């Protein structure tokens, strides 16, 4: 289940819609496009959309493993389409994601999404349940890049590091980074319950240059 959101300025009587290459997105028929809601204008957001009609990845061809779509503005004077390449998103059946597409007309080269709820089961929890050694607990405390901003499911470098360390050494990387955090905020967060409850063996502080 996906929610799609995009920022868009509109005129009175206009609405923002999403239309794409699957039945759930209207099969490129603008009359069947999914209408978004201006819940926090100018941010428009869709209701949850069942993307299972695209087909499970293990059965789909490589060309149908992803959604392709565009946003359109429908109004009393017609339809305005986004120019340029189609937007796209991988198909992750069984997850509830919000796909954040920035601004209308500005096509991102790679999709950004974040999960609506927590992961069903962390690999570290699986290892503990099977009686495997847990290894070290490594906390990542940083800002937006460390958090995984602008990556799919916020799986950026910290997530990749966690995967590699878990597979090789059994270590557990917990990412408690926060978008917009600077040195002052991070200093306070190091003393907060979010970090101290982990009792980490190692803390990685990862702030961008602007923070």
N, C-alpha and C. Protein backbone atom coordinates (compact mmCIF):
# COMPACT_ATOMS: atom_id res chain seq x y z
N UNK A 1 0.85 -1.18 0.00
CA UNK A 1 0.00 0.00 0.00
C UNK A 1 0.89 1.24 0.00
N UNK A 2 0.67 2.10 -0.98
CA UNK A 2 1.47 3.32 -1.10
C UNK A 2 0.57 4.54 -0.96
N UNK A 3 1.15 5.59 -0.35
CA UNK A 3 0.57 6.93 -0.44
C UNK A 3 1.56 7.78 -1.24
N UNK A 4 1.04 8.61 -2.11
CA UNK A 4 1.89 9.50 -2.90
C UNK A 4 1.63 10.94 -2.48
N UNK A 5 2.71 11.72 -2.40
CA UNK A 5 2.53 13.12 -2.03
C UNK A 5 3.48 14.00 -2.85
N UNK A 6 3.00 15.21 -3.16
CA UNK A 6 3.77 16.15 -3.96
C UNK A 6 3.32 17.56 -3.59
N UNK A 7 4.24 18.51 -3.66
CA UNK A 7 3.90 19.91 -3.41
C UNK A 7 3.52 20.57 -4.73
N UNK A 8 2.41 21.29 -4.72
CA UNK A 8 1.93 21.90 -5.96
C UNK A 8 1.02 23.09 -5.65
N UNK A 9 1.33 24.23 -6.28
CA UNK A 9 0.46 25.41 -6.18
C UNK A 9 -0.63 25.31 -7.24
N UNK A 10 -1.85 25.55 -6.84
CA UNK A 10 -2.98 25.44 -7.77
C UNK A 10 -3.85 26.68 -7.72
N UNK A 11 -4.73 26.79 -8.70
CA UNK A 11 -5.72 27.85 -8.74
C UNK A 11 -7.07 27.30 -8.28
N UNK A 12 -7.98 28.22 -7.96
CA UNK A 12 -9.31 27.81 -7.49
C UNK A 12 -9.98 26.91 -8.53
N UNK A 13 -10.49 25.78 -8.07
CA UNK A 13 -11.17 24.83 -8.95
C UNK A 13 -10.27 23.76 -9.52
N UNK A 14 -8.98 23.82 -9.25
CA UNK A 14 -8.04 22.82 -9.76
C UNK A 14 -7.78 21.74 -8.71
N UNK A 15 -7.41 20.56 -9.18
CA UNK A 15 -7.04 19.46 -8.30
C UNK A 15 -5.83 18.74 -8.86
N UNK A 16 -5.03 18.18 -7.97
CA UNK A 16 -3.84 17.44 -8.37
C UNK A 16 -4.16 15.95 -8.36
N UNK A 17 -3.77 15.26 -9.42
CA UNK A 17 -4.04 13.83 -9.55
C UNK A 17 -2.75 13.10 -9.94
N UNK A 18 -2.77 11.79 -9.76
CA UNK A 18 -1.66 10.95 -10.19
C UNK A 18 -2.21 9.89 -11.14
N UNK A 19 -1.50 9.67 -12.24
CA UNK A 19 -1.92 8.70 -13.24
C UNK A 19 -0.69 7.95 -13.73
N UNK A 20 -0.84 6.63 -13.95
CA UNK A 20 0.34 5.85 -14.30
C UNK A 20 0.04 4.59 -15.08
N UNK A 21 1.01 3.67 -15.04
CA UNK A 21 0.99 2.51 -15.94
C UNK A 21 0.30 1.28 -15.39
N UNK A 22 -0.43 1.41 -14.29
CA UNK A 22 -1.13 0.27 -13.72
C UNK A 22 -2.60 0.62 -13.49
N UNK A 23 -3.41 -0.41 -13.27
CA UNK A 23 -4.83 -0.17 -13.03
C UNK A 23 -5.06 0.72 -11.82
N UNK A 24 -4.22 0.54 -10.79
CA UNK A 24 -4.42 1.31 -9.57
C UNK A 24 -4.15 2.80 -9.78
N UNK A 25 -3.45 3.14 -10.86
CA UNK A 25 -3.17 4.55 -11.17
C UNK A 25 -3.85 4.99 -12.46
N UNK A 26 -4.88 4.26 -12.87
CA UNK A 26 -5.68 4.68 -14.00
C UNK A 26 -5.22 4.27 -15.37
N UNK A 27 -4.11 3.51 -15.45
CA UNK A 27 -3.60 3.01 -16.74
C UNK A 27 -3.44 4.14 -17.77
N UNK A 28 -2.88 5.25 -17.32
CA UNK A 28 -2.60 6.43 -18.14
C UNK A 28 -3.86 7.11 -18.68
N UNK A 29 -5.01 6.75 -18.15
CA UNK A 29 -6.26 7.43 -18.52
C UNK A 29 -6.51 8.54 -17.51
N UNK A 30 -6.36 9.77 -17.93
CA UNK A 30 -6.45 10.89 -16.99
C UNK A 30 -7.83 10.99 -16.35
N UNK A 31 -8.86 10.44 -17.02
CA UNK A 31 -10.20 10.47 -16.44
C UNK A 31 -10.31 9.52 -15.25
N UNK A 32 -9.40 8.53 -15.20
CA UNK A 32 -9.40 7.57 -14.09
C UNK A 32 -8.24 7.82 -13.12
N UNK A 33 -7.61 8.97 -13.23
CA UNK A 33 -6.49 9.30 -12.35
C UNK A 33 -6.96 9.37 -10.89
N UNK A 34 -6.04 9.12 -9.99
CA UNK A 34 -6.33 9.17 -8.55
C UNK A 34 -6.18 10.60 -8.06
N UNK A 35 -7.21 11.11 -7.43
CA UNK A 35 -7.21 12.50 -6.95
C UNK A 35 -6.51 12.57 -5.59
N UNK A 36 -5.59 13.52 -5.45
CA UNK A 36 -4.91 13.75 -4.18
C UNK A 36 -5.67 14.81 -3.38
N UNK A 37 -5.39 14.85 -2.09
CA UNK A 37 -6.07 15.81 -1.20
C UNK A 37 -5.07 16.82 -0.66
N UNK A 38 -5.45 18.10 -0.60
CA UNK A 38 -4.54 19.13 -0.06
C UNK A 38 -4.62 19.17 1.47
N UNK A 39 -4.12 18.11 2.11
CA UNK A 39 -4.25 18.01 3.57
C UNK A 39 -3.40 19.06 4.29
N UNK A 40 -2.31 19.46 3.65
CA UNK A 40 -1.43 20.49 4.23
C UNK A 40 -0.90 21.33 3.08
N UNK A 41 -1.81 22.08 2.44
CA UNK A 41 -1.49 22.83 1.23
C UNK A 41 -0.23 23.68 1.41
N UNK A 42 0.67 23.67 0.40
CA UNK A 42 0.53 23.13 -0.95
C UNK A 42 0.92 21.65 -1.11
N UNK A 43 1.02 20.91 0.00
CA UNK A 43 1.31 19.48 -0.09
C UNK A 43 0.02 18.71 -0.35
N UNK A 44 0.00 17.96 -1.44
CA UNK A 44 -1.13 17.12 -1.81
C UNK A 44 -0.77 15.68 -1.55
N UNK A 45 -1.71 14.91 -0.99
CA UNK A 45 -1.41 13.53 -0.61
C UNK A 45 -2.58 12.62 -0.99
N UNK A 46 -2.24 11.43 -1.48
CA UNK A 46 -3.28 10.47 -1.86
C UNK A 46 -3.69 9.63 -0.66
N UNK A 47 -4.85 8.99 -0.78
CA UNK A 47 -5.19 7.93 0.16
C UNK A 47 -4.29 6.73 -0.15
N UNK A 48 -4.34 5.70 0.69
CA UNK A 48 -3.55 4.51 0.42
C UNK A 48 -4.01 3.86 -0.88
N UNK A 49 -3.05 3.46 -1.69
CA UNK A 49 -3.33 2.83 -2.98
C UNK A 49 -2.75 1.42 -2.97
N UNK A 50 -3.58 0.46 -3.31
CA UNK A 50 -3.14 -0.94 -3.38
C UNK A 50 -2.39 -1.14 -4.69
N UNK A 51 -1.07 -1.38 -4.61
CA UNK A 51 -0.25 -1.50 -5.81
C UNK A 51 -0.03 -2.97 -6.19
N UNK A 52 -0.79 -3.88 -5.58
CA UNK A 52 -0.56 -5.31 -5.82
C UNK A 52 -0.93 -5.74 -7.24
N UNK A 53 -1.72 -4.92 -7.97
CA UNK A 53 -2.10 -5.32 -9.32
C UNK A 53 -0.94 -5.28 -10.29
N UNK A 54 0.19 -4.67 -9.88
CA UNK A 54 1.37 -4.65 -10.73
C UNK A 54 1.96 -6.04 -10.83
N UNK A 55 1.74 -6.88 -9.80
CA UNK A 55 2.25 -8.25 -9.79
C UNK A 55 3.43 -8.38 -8.87
N UNK A 56 3.54 -9.51 -8.15
CA UNK A 56 4.66 -9.71 -7.24
C UNK A 56 5.98 -9.73 -7.99
N UNK A 57 7.06 -9.15 -7.42
CA UNK A 57 8.34 -9.04 -8.12
C UNK A 57 8.87 -10.36 -8.65
N UNK A 58 8.67 -11.46 -7.92
CA UNK A 58 9.24 -12.73 -8.37
C UNK A 58 8.54 -13.27 -9.62
N UNK A 59 7.35 -12.75 -9.92
CA UNK A 59 6.62 -13.22 -11.09
C UNK A 59 6.61 -12.19 -12.21
N UNK A 60 6.95 -10.97 -11.89
CA UNK A 60 6.87 -9.91 -12.89
C UNK A 60 8.13 -9.85 -13.73
N UNK A 61 7.99 -9.35 -14.95
CA UNK A 61 9.17 -9.12 -15.77
C UNK A 61 9.89 -7.89 -15.27
N UNK A 62 11.14 -7.71 -15.70
CA UNK A 62 11.94 -6.59 -15.21
C UNK A 62 11.30 -5.25 -15.54
N UNK A 63 10.54 -5.19 -16.64
CA UNK A 63 9.93 -3.93 -17.04
C UNK A 63 8.70 -3.59 -16.22
N UNK A 64 8.11 -4.58 -15.52
CA UNK A 64 6.88 -4.33 -14.78
C UNK A 64 7.08 -4.37 -13.27
N UNK A 65 8.34 -4.35 -12.83
CA UNK A 65 8.61 -4.37 -11.40
C UNK A 65 8.51 -3.00 -10.76
N UNK A 66 8.22 -2.01 -11.55
CA UNK A 66 8.13 -0.68 -10.98
C UNK A 66 6.92 0.06 -11.55
N UNK A 67 6.42 0.98 -10.76
CA UNK A 67 5.36 1.86 -11.21
C UNK A 67 5.98 3.02 -11.98
N UNK A 68 5.33 3.43 -13.06
CA UNK A 68 5.69 4.66 -13.75
C UNK A 68 4.46 5.56 -13.76
N UNK A 69 4.68 6.84 -13.51
CA UNK A 69 3.53 7.72 -13.34
C UNK A 69 3.92 9.18 -13.51
N UNK A 70 2.91 10.02 -13.57
CA UNK A 70 3.07 11.47 -13.58
C UNK A 70 1.96 12.09 -12.75
N UNK A 71 2.20 13.30 -12.31
CA UNK A 71 1.15 14.09 -11.68
C UNK A 71 0.54 15.01 -12.72
N UNK A 72 -0.75 15.25 -12.60
CA UNK A 72 -1.44 16.17 -13.51
C UNK A 72 -2.30 17.12 -12.67
N UNK A 73 -2.53 18.29 -13.22
CA UNK A 73 -3.45 19.25 -12.61
C UNK A 73 -4.69 19.30 -13.48
N UNK A 74 -5.83 18.90 -12.91
CA UNK A 74 -7.10 18.97 -13.63
C UNK A 74 -7.88 20.18 -13.15
N UNK A 75 -8.45 20.90 -14.10
CA UNK A 75 -9.22 22.08 -13.73
C UNK A 75 -10.26 22.41 -14.78
N UNK A 76 -10.96 23.51 -14.58
CA UNK A 76 -12.03 23.89 -15.51
C UNK A 76 -11.51 24.22 -16.91
N UNK A 77 -10.20 24.48 -17.04
CA UNK A 77 -9.65 24.85 -18.34
C UNK A 77 -8.82 23.73 -18.97
N UNK A 78 -8.93 22.52 -18.41
CA UNK A 78 -8.23 21.39 -19.01
C UNK A 78 -7.28 20.70 -18.05
N UNK A 79 -6.31 20.00 -18.65
CA UNK A 79 -5.37 19.18 -17.88
C UNK A 79 -3.95 19.64 -18.16
N UNK A 80 -3.17 19.82 -17.10
CA UNK A 80 -1.75 20.17 -17.24
C UNK A 80 -0.91 18.99 -16.78
N UNK A 81 -0.07 18.46 -17.67
CA UNK A 81 0.79 17.33 -17.35
C UNK A 81 2.18 17.82 -16.94
N UNK A 82 2.86 17.01 -16.14
CA UNK A 82 4.28 17.24 -15.89
C UNK A 82 5.06 16.95 -17.18
N UNK A 83 6.09 17.76 -17.44
CA UNK A 83 6.94 17.55 -18.60
C UNK A 83 8.11 16.64 -18.21
N UNK A 84 8.74 16.06 -19.23
CA UNK A 84 9.94 15.26 -18.97
C UNK A 84 9.64 13.79 -18.79
N UNK A 85 10.62 13.09 -18.25
CA UNK A 85 10.52 11.65 -18.04
C UNK A 85 9.43 11.30 -17.03
N UNK A 86 8.95 10.07 -17.10
CA UNK A 86 8.00 9.60 -16.10
C UNK A 86 8.68 9.48 -14.75
N UNK A 87 7.93 9.71 -13.71
CA UNK A 87 8.39 9.34 -12.37
C UNK A 87 8.29 7.82 -12.24
N UNK A 88 9.02 7.24 -11.30
CA UNK A 88 8.94 5.80 -11.10
C UNK A 88 9.18 5.47 -9.63
N UNK A 89 8.71 4.29 -9.25
CA UNK A 89 8.90 3.79 -7.89
C UNK A 89 8.98 2.28 -7.92
N UNK A 90 9.88 1.66 -7.15
CA UNK A 90 9.91 0.20 -7.08
C UNK A 90 8.62 -0.34 -6.48
N UNK A 91 8.33 -1.58 -6.76
CA UNK A 91 7.14 -2.23 -6.22
C UNK A 91 7.54 -3.07 -5.02
N UNK A 92 7.18 -2.62 -3.83
CA UNK A 92 7.44 -3.36 -2.59
C UNK A 92 6.10 -3.81 -2.02
N UNK A 93 5.62 -4.95 -2.47
CA UNK A 93 4.34 -5.47 -2.00
C UNK A 93 4.48 -5.93 -0.56
N UNK A 94 3.49 -5.60 0.27
CA UNK A 94 3.52 -6.00 1.67
C UNK A 94 4.05 -4.92 2.59
N UNK A 95 4.40 -3.76 2.05
CA UNK A 95 4.87 -2.65 2.87
C UNK A 95 3.91 -1.47 2.72
N UNK A 96 3.87 -0.62 3.73
CA UNK A 96 3.05 0.59 3.69
C UNK A 96 4.02 1.77 3.65
N UNK A 97 4.08 2.42 2.49
CA UNK A 97 5.07 3.46 2.26
C UNK A 97 4.40 4.76 1.84
N UNK A 98 5.04 5.86 2.19
CA UNK A 98 4.70 7.16 1.64
C UNK A 98 5.80 7.53 0.65
N UNK A 99 5.42 7.78 -0.59
CA UNK A 99 6.36 8.18 -1.64
C UNK A 99 6.30 9.70 -1.74
N UNK A 100 7.42 10.34 -1.42
CA UNK A 100 7.47 11.81 -1.43
C UNK A 100 8.17 12.27 -2.70
N UNK A 101 7.45 12.97 -3.56
CA UNK A 101 7.95 13.31 -4.89
C UNK A 101 8.33 14.78 -5.04
N UNK A 102 8.61 15.46 -3.94
CA UNK A 102 9.09 16.84 -4.06
C UNK A 102 8.02 17.77 -4.60
N UNK A 103 8.36 18.46 -5.69
CA UNK A 103 7.47 19.48 -6.24
C UNK A 103 6.96 19.07 -7.63
N UNK A 104 5.75 19.49 -7.93
CA UNK A 104 5.16 19.24 -9.24
C UNK A 104 6.07 19.79 -10.34
N UNK A 105 6.37 18.94 -11.33
CA UNK A 105 7.18 19.37 -12.45
C UNK A 105 8.67 19.19 -12.27
N UNK A 106 9.11 18.90 -11.06
CA UNK A 106 10.54 18.68 -10.77
C UNK A 106 10.76 17.19 -10.57
N UNK A 107 11.19 16.50 -11.61
CA UNK A 107 11.30 15.04 -11.58
C UNK A 107 12.61 14.64 -10.90
N UNK A 108 12.52 13.88 -9.84
CA UNK A 108 13.71 13.39 -9.14
C UNK A 108 14.29 12.20 -9.90
N UNK A 109 15.61 12.09 -9.87
CA UNK A 109 16.27 10.98 -10.58
C UNK A 109 16.06 9.65 -9.87
N UNK A 110 15.83 9.70 -8.55
CA UNK A 110 15.61 8.47 -7.80
C UNK A 110 14.50 8.71 -6.79
N UNK A 111 13.60 7.76 -6.61
CA UNK A 111 12.45 7.98 -5.72
C UNK A 111 12.83 7.97 -4.25
N UNK A 112 12.08 8.72 -3.47
CA UNK A 112 12.28 8.82 -2.02
C UNK A 112 11.01 8.36 -1.32
N UNK A 113 11.14 7.46 -0.35
CA UNK A 113 9.97 7.00 0.39
C UNK A 113 10.36 6.72 1.83
N UNK A 114 9.36 6.66 2.67
CA UNK A 114 9.58 6.26 4.05
C UNK A 114 8.43 5.40 4.50
N UNK A 115 8.70 4.55 5.46
CA UNK A 115 7.71 3.56 5.90
C UNK A 115 6.72 4.17 6.87
N UNK A 116 5.45 3.85 6.69
CA UNK A 116 4.40 4.37 7.55
C UNK A 116 4.51 3.82 8.96
N UNK A 117 4.86 2.55 9.09
CA UNK A 117 4.99 1.93 10.40
C UNK A 117 6.36 1.32 10.57
N UNK A 118 6.62 0.70 11.72
CA UNK A 118 7.93 0.09 11.95
C UNK A 118 8.13 -1.14 11.09
N UNK A 119 9.41 -1.52 10.88
CA UNK A 119 9.72 -2.76 10.20
C UNK A 119 9.09 -3.92 10.97
N UNK A 120 8.60 -4.91 10.25
CA UNK A 120 7.92 -6.03 10.90
C UNK A 120 8.86 -6.77 11.85
N UNK A 121 10.09 -7.01 11.41
CA UNK A 121 11.03 -7.72 12.26
C UNK A 121 12.44 -7.36 11.84
N UNK A 122 13.24 -6.83 12.75
CA UNK A 122 14.62 -6.52 12.45
C UNK A 122 15.44 -7.80 12.39
N UNK A 123 16.51 -7.76 11.61
CA UNK A 123 17.36 -8.94 11.52
C UNK A 123 18.03 -9.24 12.85
N UNK A 124 18.31 -8.20 13.61
CA UNK A 124 18.93 -8.42 14.92
C UNK A 124 17.99 -9.17 15.85
N UNK A 125 16.68 -8.88 15.74
CA UNK A 125 15.70 -9.58 16.56
C UNK A 125 15.62 -11.05 16.12
N UNK A 126 15.72 -11.28 14.81
CA UNK A 126 15.70 -12.65 14.32
C UNK A 126 16.88 -13.43 14.87
N UNK A 127 18.06 -12.82 14.86
CA UNK A 127 19.26 -13.49 15.36
C UNK A 127 19.12 -13.82 16.84
N UNK A 128 18.56 -12.87 17.60
CA UNK A 128 18.40 -13.10 19.03
C UNK A 128 17.43 -14.25 19.28
N UNK A 129 16.35 -14.30 18.48
CA UNK A 129 15.37 -15.36 18.66
C UNK A 129 15.95 -16.73 18.34
N UNK A 130 16.92 -16.77 17.43
CA UNK A 130 17.55 -18.03 17.06
C UNK A 130 18.74 -18.38 17.94
N UNK A 131 19.01 -17.55 18.94
CA UNK A 131 20.10 -17.83 19.85
C UNK A 131 21.48 -17.48 19.32
N UNK A 132 21.55 -16.70 18.22
CA UNK A 132 22.83 -16.30 17.68
C UNK A 132 23.39 -15.13 18.48
N UNK A 133 24.73 -15.00 18.54
CA UNK A 133 25.31 -13.87 19.27
C UNK A 133 24.90 -12.55 18.65
N UNK A 134 24.56 -11.58 19.49
CA UNK A 134 24.06 -10.30 19.03
C UNK A 134 25.18 -9.40 18.53
N UNK A 135 26.39 -9.52 19.05
CA UNK A 135 27.47 -8.62 18.64
C UNK A 135 27.33 -7.27 19.30
N UNK A 136 28.03 -6.30 18.79
CA UNK A 136 27.98 -4.95 19.35
C UNK A 136 26.69 -4.23 18.94
N UNK A 137 26.31 -3.28 19.75
CA UNK A 137 25.24 -2.35 19.40
C UNK A 137 25.89 -1.03 19.00
N UNK A 138 25.64 -0.60 17.78
CA UNK A 138 26.24 0.61 17.23
C UNK A 138 25.13 1.60 16.93
N UNK A 139 25.15 2.76 17.56
CA UNK A 139 24.13 3.78 17.35
C UNK A 139 24.65 4.84 16.37
N UNK A 140 23.84 5.18 15.40
CA UNK A 140 24.15 6.26 14.46
C UNK A 140 23.28 7.46 14.83
N UNK A 141 23.92 8.54 15.21
CA UNK A 141 23.21 9.77 15.60
C UNK A 141 23.65 10.87 14.63
N UNK A 142 22.74 11.29 13.76
CA UNK A 142 23.13 12.26 12.76
C UNK A 142 21.95 13.08 12.27
N UNK A 143 22.11 13.62 11.06
CA UNK A 143 21.08 14.47 10.47
C UNK A 143 20.46 13.77 9.26
N UNK A 144 19.97 14.54 8.30
CA UNK A 144 19.13 13.98 7.24
C UNK A 144 19.83 12.92 6.38
N UNK A 145 21.10 13.14 6.02
CA UNK A 145 21.79 12.17 5.16
C UNK A 145 21.95 10.84 5.89
N UNK A 146 22.33 10.91 7.16
CA UNK A 146 22.46 9.67 7.95
C UNK A 146 21.11 9.00 8.15
N UNK A 147 20.06 9.81 8.25
CA UNK A 147 18.71 9.26 8.43
C UNK A 147 18.26 8.49 7.19
N UNK A 148 18.83 8.84 6.05
CA UNK A 148 18.44 8.19 4.81
C UNK A 148 17.53 9.02 3.94
N UNK A 149 17.51 10.34 4.18
CA UNK A 149 16.64 11.22 3.42
C UNK A 149 16.99 11.14 1.93
N UNK A 150 15.96 11.14 1.10
CA UNK A 150 16.08 11.05 -0.36
C UNK A 150 16.53 9.67 -0.84
N UNK A 151 16.32 8.64 -0.04
CA UNK A 151 16.57 7.27 -0.49
C UNK A 151 15.27 6.46 -0.35
N UNK A 152 15.22 5.33 -1.05
CA UNK A 152 14.02 4.50 -0.98
C UNK A 152 13.93 3.82 0.38
N UNK A 153 12.82 4.02 1.07
CA UNK A 153 12.57 3.48 2.42
C UNK A 153 13.61 3.95 3.43
N UNK A 154 14.21 5.10 3.15
CA UNK A 154 15.26 5.68 4.00
C UNK A 154 16.40 4.69 4.25
N UNK A 155 16.71 3.91 3.23
CA UNK A 155 17.79 2.94 3.36
C UNK A 155 19.03 3.48 2.66
N UNK A 156 19.68 4.42 3.36
CA UNK A 156 20.89 5.04 2.85
C UNK A 156 22.14 4.35 3.36
N UNK A 157 23.22 5.13 3.54
CA UNK A 157 24.50 4.52 3.91
C UNK A 157 24.46 3.87 5.28
N UNK A 158 23.70 4.42 6.22
CA UNK A 158 23.65 3.83 7.57
C UNK A 158 22.99 2.45 7.53
N UNK A 159 21.95 2.32 6.71
CA UNK A 159 21.29 1.02 6.59
C UNK A 159 22.22 0.02 5.92
N UNK A 160 22.94 0.45 4.86
CA UNK A 160 23.88 -0.45 4.18
C UNK A 160 25.01 -0.87 5.12
N UNK A 161 25.47 0.08 5.96
CA UNK A 161 26.50 -0.26 6.94
C UNK A 161 25.98 -1.30 7.92
N UNK A 162 24.74 -1.12 8.37
CA UNK A 162 24.15 -2.08 9.29
C UNK A 162 24.03 -3.46 8.70
N UNK A 163 23.63 -3.54 7.42
CA UNK A 163 23.53 -4.83 6.75
C UNK A 163 24.89 -5.52 6.69
N UNK A 164 25.93 -4.76 6.31
CA UNK A 164 27.26 -5.35 6.16
C UNK A 164 27.82 -5.81 7.50
N UNK A 165 27.68 -4.99 8.54
CA UNK A 165 28.22 -5.35 9.85
C UNK A 165 27.46 -6.51 10.48
N UNK A 166 26.15 -6.56 10.22
CA UNK A 166 25.37 -7.67 10.78
C UNK A 166 25.75 -8.99 10.11
N UNK A 167 25.87 -8.97 8.79
CA UNK A 167 26.19 -10.19 8.07
C UNK A 167 27.59 -10.69 8.37
N UNK A 168 28.54 -9.75 8.56
CA UNK A 168 29.94 -10.15 8.74
C UNK A 168 30.28 -10.45 10.19
N UNK A 169 29.76 -9.62 11.12
CA UNK A 169 30.17 -9.73 12.51
C UNK A 169 29.02 -9.96 13.49
N UNK A 170 27.78 -9.87 13.03
CA UNK A 170 26.66 -10.02 13.94
C UNK A 170 26.35 -8.76 14.72
N UNK A 171 26.95 -7.63 14.32
CA UNK A 171 26.68 -6.37 15.02
C UNK A 171 25.31 -5.83 14.65
N UNK A 172 24.78 -4.97 15.51
CA UNK A 172 23.47 -4.35 15.28
C UNK A 172 23.63 -2.84 15.21
N UNK A 173 23.25 -2.26 14.07
CA UNK A 173 23.31 -0.82 13.89
C UNK A 173 21.90 -0.26 14.06
N UNK A 174 21.75 0.68 14.98
CA UNK A 174 20.45 1.32 15.23
C UNK A 174 20.58 2.79 14.82
N UNK A 175 19.77 3.21 13.88
CA UNK A 175 19.84 4.57 13.35
C UNK A 175 18.81 5.45 14.04
N UNK A 176 19.27 6.37 14.85
CA UNK A 176 18.37 7.30 15.54
C UNK A 176 18.61 8.73 15.04
N UNK A 177 19.04 8.85 13.80
CA UNK A 177 19.30 10.17 13.22
C UNK A 177 18.00 10.94 13.04
N UNK A 178 18.14 12.25 12.90
CA UNK A 178 16.96 13.13 12.83
C UNK A 178 17.20 14.21 11.80
N UNK A 179 16.27 14.34 10.87
CA UNK A 179 16.39 15.37 9.84
C UNK A 179 16.45 16.76 10.48
N UNK A 180 17.43 17.57 10.07
CA UNK A 180 17.55 18.92 10.58
C UNK A 180 18.38 19.06 11.83
N UNK A 181 18.87 17.95 12.37
CA UNK A 181 19.66 18.02 13.60
C UNK A 181 20.99 18.73 13.34
N UNK A 182 21.37 19.60 14.27
CA UNK A 182 22.68 20.27 14.20
C UNK A 182 23.52 19.84 15.39
N UNK A 183 24.66 20.50 15.60
CA UNK A 183 25.55 20.08 16.69
C UNK A 183 24.89 20.25 18.06
N UNK A 184 24.15 21.35 18.25
CA UNK A 184 23.51 21.59 19.55
C UNK A 184 22.44 20.53 19.83
N UNK A 185 21.60 20.24 18.80
CA UNK A 185 20.55 19.24 18.97
C UNK A 185 21.15 17.86 19.21
N UNK A 186 22.19 17.54 18.46
CA UNK A 186 22.83 16.23 18.59
C UNK A 186 23.47 16.06 19.96
N UNK A 187 24.04 17.12 20.48
CA UNK A 187 24.64 17.06 21.82
C UNK A 187 23.59 16.68 22.86
N UNK A 188 22.40 17.27 22.74
CA UNK A 188 21.32 16.95 23.68
C UNK A 188 20.78 15.54 23.44
N UNK A 189 20.71 15.14 22.17
CA UNK A 189 20.16 13.82 21.85
C UNK A 189 21.07 12.70 22.36
N UNK A 190 22.36 12.95 22.45
CA UNK A 190 23.27 11.93 22.96
C UNK A 190 22.96 11.58 24.42
N UNK A 191 22.30 12.52 25.11
CA UNK A 191 21.93 12.29 26.50
C UNK A 191 20.48 11.86 26.65
N UNK A 192 19.78 11.79 25.51
CA UNK A 192 18.36 11.49 25.56
C UNK A 192 18.11 9.99 25.70
N UNK A 193 16.85 9.67 26.03
CA UNK A 193 16.46 8.27 26.21
C UNK A 193 16.59 7.48 24.92
N UNK A 194 16.39 8.17 23.77
CA UNK A 194 16.46 7.49 22.48
C UNK A 194 17.81 6.83 22.26
N UNK A 195 18.87 7.41 22.84
CA UNK A 195 20.22 6.85 22.69
C UNK A 195 20.62 6.03 23.91
N UNK A 196 20.39 6.57 25.11
CA UNK A 196 20.87 5.88 26.32
C UNK A 196 20.20 4.53 26.54
N UNK A 197 18.93 4.40 26.11
CA UNK A 197 18.25 3.12 26.30
C UNK A 197 18.89 1.99 25.51
N UNK A 198 19.61 2.34 24.45
CA UNK A 198 20.27 1.34 23.61
C UNK A 198 21.51 0.75 24.27
N UNK A 199 22.10 1.53 25.19
CA UNK A 199 23.38 1.14 25.81
C UNK A 199 24.38 0.73 24.74
N UNK A 200 24.65 1.65 23.79
CA UNK A 200 25.48 1.29 22.64
C UNK A 200 26.94 1.08 23.02
N UNK A 201 27.58 0.17 22.31
CA UNK A 201 29.02 -0.03 22.47
C UNK A 201 29.80 1.03 21.70
N UNK A 202 29.24 1.48 20.57
CA UNK A 202 29.86 2.49 19.73
C UNK A 202 28.79 3.48 19.29
N UNK A 203 29.13 4.77 19.26
CA UNK A 203 28.23 5.80 18.75
C UNK A 203 28.91 6.48 17.56
N UNK A 204 28.24 6.51 16.42
CA UNK A 204 28.72 7.22 15.25
C UNK A 204 27.95 8.52 15.13
N UNK A 205 28.65 9.64 15.19
CA UNK A 205 28.02 10.96 15.01
C UNK A 205 28.22 11.36 13.55
N UNK A 206 27.12 11.57 12.84
CA UNK A 206 27.19 11.81 11.39
C UNK A 206 26.36 13.03 11.02
N UNK A 207 26.99 14.20 11.02
CA UNK A 207 26.31 15.44 10.65
C UNK A 207 26.82 15.93 9.30
N UNK A 208 25.94 16.49 8.51
CA UNK A 208 26.34 17.08 7.23
C UNK A 208 27.08 18.39 7.49
N UNK A 209 27.81 18.87 6.48
CA UNK A 209 28.61 20.07 6.66
C UNK A 209 27.76 21.28 7.05
N UNK A 210 26.54 21.35 6.53
CA UNK A 210 25.67 22.48 6.84
C UNK A 210 25.10 22.45 8.23
N UNK A 211 25.27 21.34 8.95
CA UNK A 211 24.71 21.21 10.29
C UNK A 211 25.74 21.45 11.37
